[in-house]
C-alpha cells in the first residue's frame, strides 16, 4: 500500500464542528471528483489508524483539500484531527472510488454527506455543466450547513436547504421526505445521488425506489 506523508498547509473551521484541511499534494497523485483516500495522522500510535475521507478540491489544484466533521466525545479519529493544524503531517494512501458522477440529476445530501458532492459540483461549475442539477441538503440547523455561500453561488435557486429547526422562510422546515423528493424528480434519465449517514442513505434509497426511480439510476457510495 502506497503511503504519502504530507504537511498540513492550512486548517480552519467552516462551521462550528466541520474543519477544512489544505495539505500538500504528492507528485503524480491524482483522483476524480467524488473519490476518496484513507488518511492517518503522522504521530506515534496513530500512523495505522486509517479513516476514509473525500477530496473536496479539484484534481487540477496544486494542493489537496478535505472537509471533515469533527465528532467529539468518542476519542475517535476526527476528534484527534481537531488537534491537527498547519505544520502537522498526515499520511495519505491510495485513491479509491466513492460517488461516481454519471450525468445530470438530483443530489441528496445529509449533513457531512455533502463532501463527495463538493468536488463534483465545483467540477461541473468549472465545465459550465450545471444544467439539470439540483441539490437537496438536509441539516439540523442553519449553523450546520457546510459551505452555504459557495453552494448558493454555484447552484442559485437549485440549492434547496431542508432544516429540522428553522424560522427562515427561505429554508424548508422538516426532513427530506417523499413529498419533497417528488417535487424535484423529473423522471426519464435523471440520476439521483445520495450521500449521508448510513440510515439516511438507506431511507432515501428506499423512498426513491418507491417513487419509481430505477435502481440503476440511484448512485451511492461504493
Protein backbone atom coordinates (compact mmCIF):
# COMPACT_ATOMS: atom_id res chain seq x y z
CA UNK A 1 0.00 0.00 0.00
CA UNK A 2 1.48 3.34 -1.06
CA UNK A 3 1.85 5.92 1.69
CA UNK A 4 2.42 9.63 1.22
CA UNK A 5 3.42 11.82 4.15
CA UNK A 6 2.11 15.34 3.54
CA UNK A 7 2.27 18.57 5.51
CA UNK A 8 -0.87 20.42 6.51
CA UNK A 9 -0.65 23.86 4.90
CA UNK A 10 -3.80 25.32 6.45
CA UNK A 11 -6.65 24.29 8.71
CA UNK A 12 -9.76 26.22 9.68
CA UNK A 13 -13.36 25.67 10.70
CA UNK A 14 -16.05 26.15 8.07
CA UNK A 15 -18.85 25.53 10.61
CA UNK A 16 -18.84 25.10 14.38
CA UNK A 17 -17.86 21.43 14.04
CA UNK A 18 -16.57 20.98 10.49
CA UNK A 19 -12.89 21.55 9.78
CA UNK A 20 -11.14 22.12 6.45
CA UNK A 21 -7.61 20.83 5.85
CA UNK A 22 -5.47 22.03 2.96
CA UNK A 23 -2.45 19.75 2.52
CA UNK A 24 0.45 19.18 0.17
CA UNK A 25 -0.27 17.20 -2.99
CA UNK A 26 2.25 14.41 -3.68
CA UNK A 27 3.83 14.44 -7.12
CA UNK A 28 1.83 12.31 -9.55
CA UNK A 29 -1.09 11.93 -7.14
CA UNK A 30 -4.43 12.16 -8.97
CA UNK A 31 -8.10 11.48 -8.44
CA UNK A 32 -11.54 12.01 -9.94
CA UNK A 33 -14.14 14.27 -8.29
CA UNK A 34 -16.14 12.13 -5.86
CA UNK A 35 -13.23 9.84 -4.94
CA UNK A 36 -11.60 9.42 -1.52
CA UNK A 37 -8.49 8.16 0.24
CA UNK A 38 -7.65 6.68 3.63
CA UNK A 39 -5.94 9.16 5.96
CA UNK A 40 -3.93 8.72 9.14
CA UNK A 41 -2.20 11.24 11.41
CA UNK A 42 1.58 11.05 11.28
CA UNK A 43 2.12 10.68 15.01
CA UNK A 44 3.28 7.73 17.13
CA UNK A 45 0.49 5.18 17.68
CA UNK A 46 -1.76 6.92 15.10
CA UNK A 47 0.01 6.03 11.81
CA UNK A 48 -2.15 2.94 11.26
CA UNK A 49 -5.46 4.42 12.42
CA UNK A 50 -6.97 4.94 8.96
CA UNK A 51 -10.28 6.57 8.06
CA UNK A 52 -11.70 7.35 4.58
CA UNK A 53 -12.21 10.98 3.58
CA UNK A 54 -13.32 12.50 0.30
CA UNK A 55 -11.31 15.02 -1.70
CA UNK A 56 -13.23 18.30 -1.86
CA UNK A 57 -10.82 20.13 -4.17
CA UNK A 58 -10.38 19.51 -7.88
CA UNK A 59 -7.59 17.33 -9.23
CA UNK A 60 -6.26 20.35 -11.13
CA UNK A 61 -5.45 22.14 -7.87
CA UNK A 62 -1.86 22.27 -6.68
CA UNK A 63 -2.92 21.11 -3.21
CA UNK A 64 -5.41 18.70 -1.65
CA UNK A 65 -8.40 19.68 0.47
CA UNK A 66 -10.53 17.69 2.88
CA UNK A 67 -13.60 18.96 4.74
CA UNK A 68 -14.22 16.81 7.80
CA UNK A 69 -16.89 16.81 10.50
CA UNK A 70 -15.40 16.60 13.99
CA UNK A 71 -17.22 14.23 16.34
CA UNK A 72 -16.41 14.95 19.98
CA UNK A 73 -16.66 12.60 22.95
CA UNK A 74 -15.73 9.34 21.21
CA UNK A 75 -11.92 9.62 21.25
CA UNK A 76 -12.13 8.77 17.56
CA UNK A 77 -10.13 9.78 14.50
CA UNK A 78 -11.98 13.04 13.84
CA UNK A 79 -11.58 14.17 17.45
CA UNK A 80 -7.83 13.67 17.03
CA UNK A 81 -7.97 15.63 13.75
CA UNK A 82 -9.39 18.52 15.74
CA UNK A 83 -5.88 18.88 17.20
CA UNK A 84 -4.15 18.80 13.78
CA UNK A 85 -3.11 22.20 12.43
CA UNK A 86 -0.80 23.83 9.89
CA UNK A 87 2.69 22.33 10.10
CA UNK A 88 1.48 18.90 11.26
CA UNK A 89 1.60 15.87 8.97
CA UNK A 90 -0.96 13.44 7.62
CA UNK A 91 -0.44 10.12 5.84
CA UNK A 92 -2.39 9.59 2.62
CA UNK A 93 -2.96 6.22 0.99
CA UNK A 94 -4.33 5.04 -2.33
CA UNK A 95 -7.27 6.70 -4.06
CA UNK A 96 -10.50 4.71 -4.31
CA UNK A 97 -13.94 5.27 -5.78
CA UNK A 98 -16.90 6.55 -3.79
CA UNK A 99 -19.56 8.60 -5.61
CA UNK A 100 -19.23 8.41 -9.38
CA UNK A 101 -20.82 11.19 -11.46
CA UNK A 102 -22.79 9.78 -14.38
CA UNK A 103 -24.92 12.70 -15.58
CA UNK A 104 -27.34 15.45 -14.51
CA UNK A 105 -29.76 14.78 -11.72
CA UNK A 106 -30.83 15.26 -8.12
CA UNK A 107 -28.17 15.34 -5.40
CA UNK A 108 -29.47 14.40 -1.93
CA UNK A 109 -27.12 15.03 0.98
CA UNK A 110 -27.47 14.63 4.73
CA UNK A 111 -25.01 16.62 6.87
CA UNK A 112 -21.38 15.74 6.16
CA UNK A 113 -22.63 13.57 3.30
CA UNK A 114 -22.24 16.71 1.18
CA UNK A 115 -18.48 16.20 0.99
CA UNK A 116 -18.33 13.88 -2.07
CA UNK A 117 -20.62 16.29 -3.89
CA UNK A 118 -18.45 19.36 -3.28
CA UNK A 119 -15.73 18.44 -5.77
CA UNK A 120 -18.32 17.17 -8.27
CA UNK A 121 -20.27 20.44 -8.15
CA UNK A 122 -17.08 22.51 -8.38
CA UNK A 123 -16.05 20.45 -11.42
CA UNK A 124 -19.43 20.92 -13.09
CA UNK A 125 -19.27 24.66 -12.45
CA UNK A 126 -15.80 24.82 -14.00
CA UNK A 127 -17.08 22.98 -17.08
CA UNK A 128 -20.30 25.04 -17.24
CA UNK A 129 -22.29 21.79 -16.95
CA UNK A 130 -24.71 22.63 -14.12
CA UNK A 131 -27.85 22.39 -16.23
CA UNK A 132 -30.21 19.80 -14.75
CA UNK A 133 -28.51 19.75 -11.34
CA UNK A 134 -30.47 20.25 -8.09
CA UNK A 135 -29.21 19.77 -4.52
CA UNK A 136 -31.41 18.85 -1.56
CA UNK A 137 -29.30 19.36 1.57
CA UNK A 138 -30.65 18.20 4.92
CA UNK A 139 -29.25 19.56 8.22
CA UNK A 140 -30.41 20.17 11.79
CA UNK A 141 -29.92 23.96 11.82
CA UNK A 142 -28.60 26.73 9.55
CA UNK A 143 -25.35 26.71 11.54
CA UNK A 144 -24.73 23.14 10.33
CA UNK A 145 -24.82 23.97 6.61
CA UNK A 146 -21.37 23.29 5.13
CA UNK A 147 -20.16 25.85 2.53
CA UNK A 148 -23.58 27.51 2.33
CA UNK A 149 -22.39 30.61 0.46
CA UNK A 150 -20.34 28.70 -2.11
CA UNK A 151 -23.09 26.17 -2.80
CA UNK A 152 -25.60 29.01 -3.17
CA UNK A 153 -23.26 30.74 -5.61
CA UNK A 154 -22.86 27.54 -7.64
CA UNK A 155 -26.49 26.40 -7.74
CA UNK A 156 -28.57 29.54 -7.10
CA UNK A 157 -32.23 28.53 -6.72
CA UNK A 158 -31.35 24.86 -7.31
CA UNK A 159 -29.79 24.75 -3.83
CA UNK A 160 -32.59 23.60 -1.50
CA UNK A 161 -31.89 23.59 2.24
CA UNK A 162 -34.06 21.38 4.45
CA UNK A 163 -33.64 22.10 8.16
CA UNK A 164 -35.05 20.31 11.16
CA UNK A 165 -35.09 23.60 13.11
CA UNK A 166 -35.62 26.92 11.34
CA UNK A 167 -37.80 30.03 11.26
CA UNK A 168 -36.25 31.23 8.00
CA UNK A 169 -38.88 31.37 5.22
CA UNK A 170 -36.09 30.82 2.70
CA UNK A 171 -35.42 27.35 4.11
CA UNK A 172 -37.68 24.30 4.06
CA UNK A 173 -38.51 23.07 7.56
CA UNK A 174 -38.58 19.39 8.42
CA UNK A 175 -36.92 16.46 6.72
CA UNK A 176 -36.34 15.24 3.18
CA UNK A 177 -39.42 13.10 2.63
CA UNK A 178 -41.27 11.51 -0.26
CA UNK A 179 -43.36 14.61 -0.97
CA UNK A 180 -40.24 16.77 -1.25
CA UNK A 181 -38.44 14.24 -3.41
CA UNK A 182 -41.45 14.10 -5.72
CA UNK A 183 -41.20 17.85 -6.30
CA UNK A 184 -37.69 17.54 -7.73
CA UNK A 185 -37.82 14.21 -9.53
CA UNK A 186 -38.31 14.78 -13.22
CA UNK A 187 -38.17 11.16 -14.37
CA UNK A 188 -36.58 9.97 -17.57
CA UNK A 189 -32.84 9.53 -17.40
CA UNK A 190 -32.35 11.67 -14.28
CA UNK A 191 -29.80 10.27 -11.84
CA UNK A 192 -30.24 10.51 -8.06
CA UNK A 193 -27.06 10.83 -6.00
CA UNK A 194 -27.41 10.06 -2.29
CA UNK A 195 -24.84 10.51 0.47
CA UNK A 196 -25.10 10.84 4.24
CA UNK A 197 -25.14 8.67 7.36
CA UNK A 198 -25.97 5.01 6.63
CA UNK A 199 -29.53 5.29 7.96
CA UNK A 200 -30.18 8.46 5.93
CA UNK A 201 -28.86 6.81 2.75
CA UNK A 202 -30.95 3.67 3.28
CA UNK A 203 -34.14 5.71 3.84
CA UNK A 204 -33.54 7.92 0.80
CA UNK A 205 -32.83 4.95 -1.46
CA UNK A 206 -36.00 3.22 -0.23
CA UNK A 207 -38.10 6.32 -0.90
CA UNK A 208 -36.61 6.82 -4.37
CA UNK A 209 -37.34 3.21 -5.30
CA UNK A 210 -40.93 3.60 -4.03
CA UNK A 211 -41.25 6.70 -6.22
CA UNK A 212 -40.27 4.68 -9.27
CA UNK A 213 -36.62 5.66 -9.71
CA UNK A 214 -34.79 2.68 -11.26
CA UNK A 215 -32.10 1.20 -9.01
CA UNK A 216 -29.57 1.71 -11.84
CA UNK A 217 -30.16 5.49 -11.61
CA UNK A 218 -29.57 5.73 -7.85
CA UNK A 219 -25.91 6.44 -7.14
CA UNK A 220 -24.50 5.88 -3.65
CA UNK A 221 -21.00 5.48 -2.19
CA UNK A 222 -19.19 2.39 -3.45
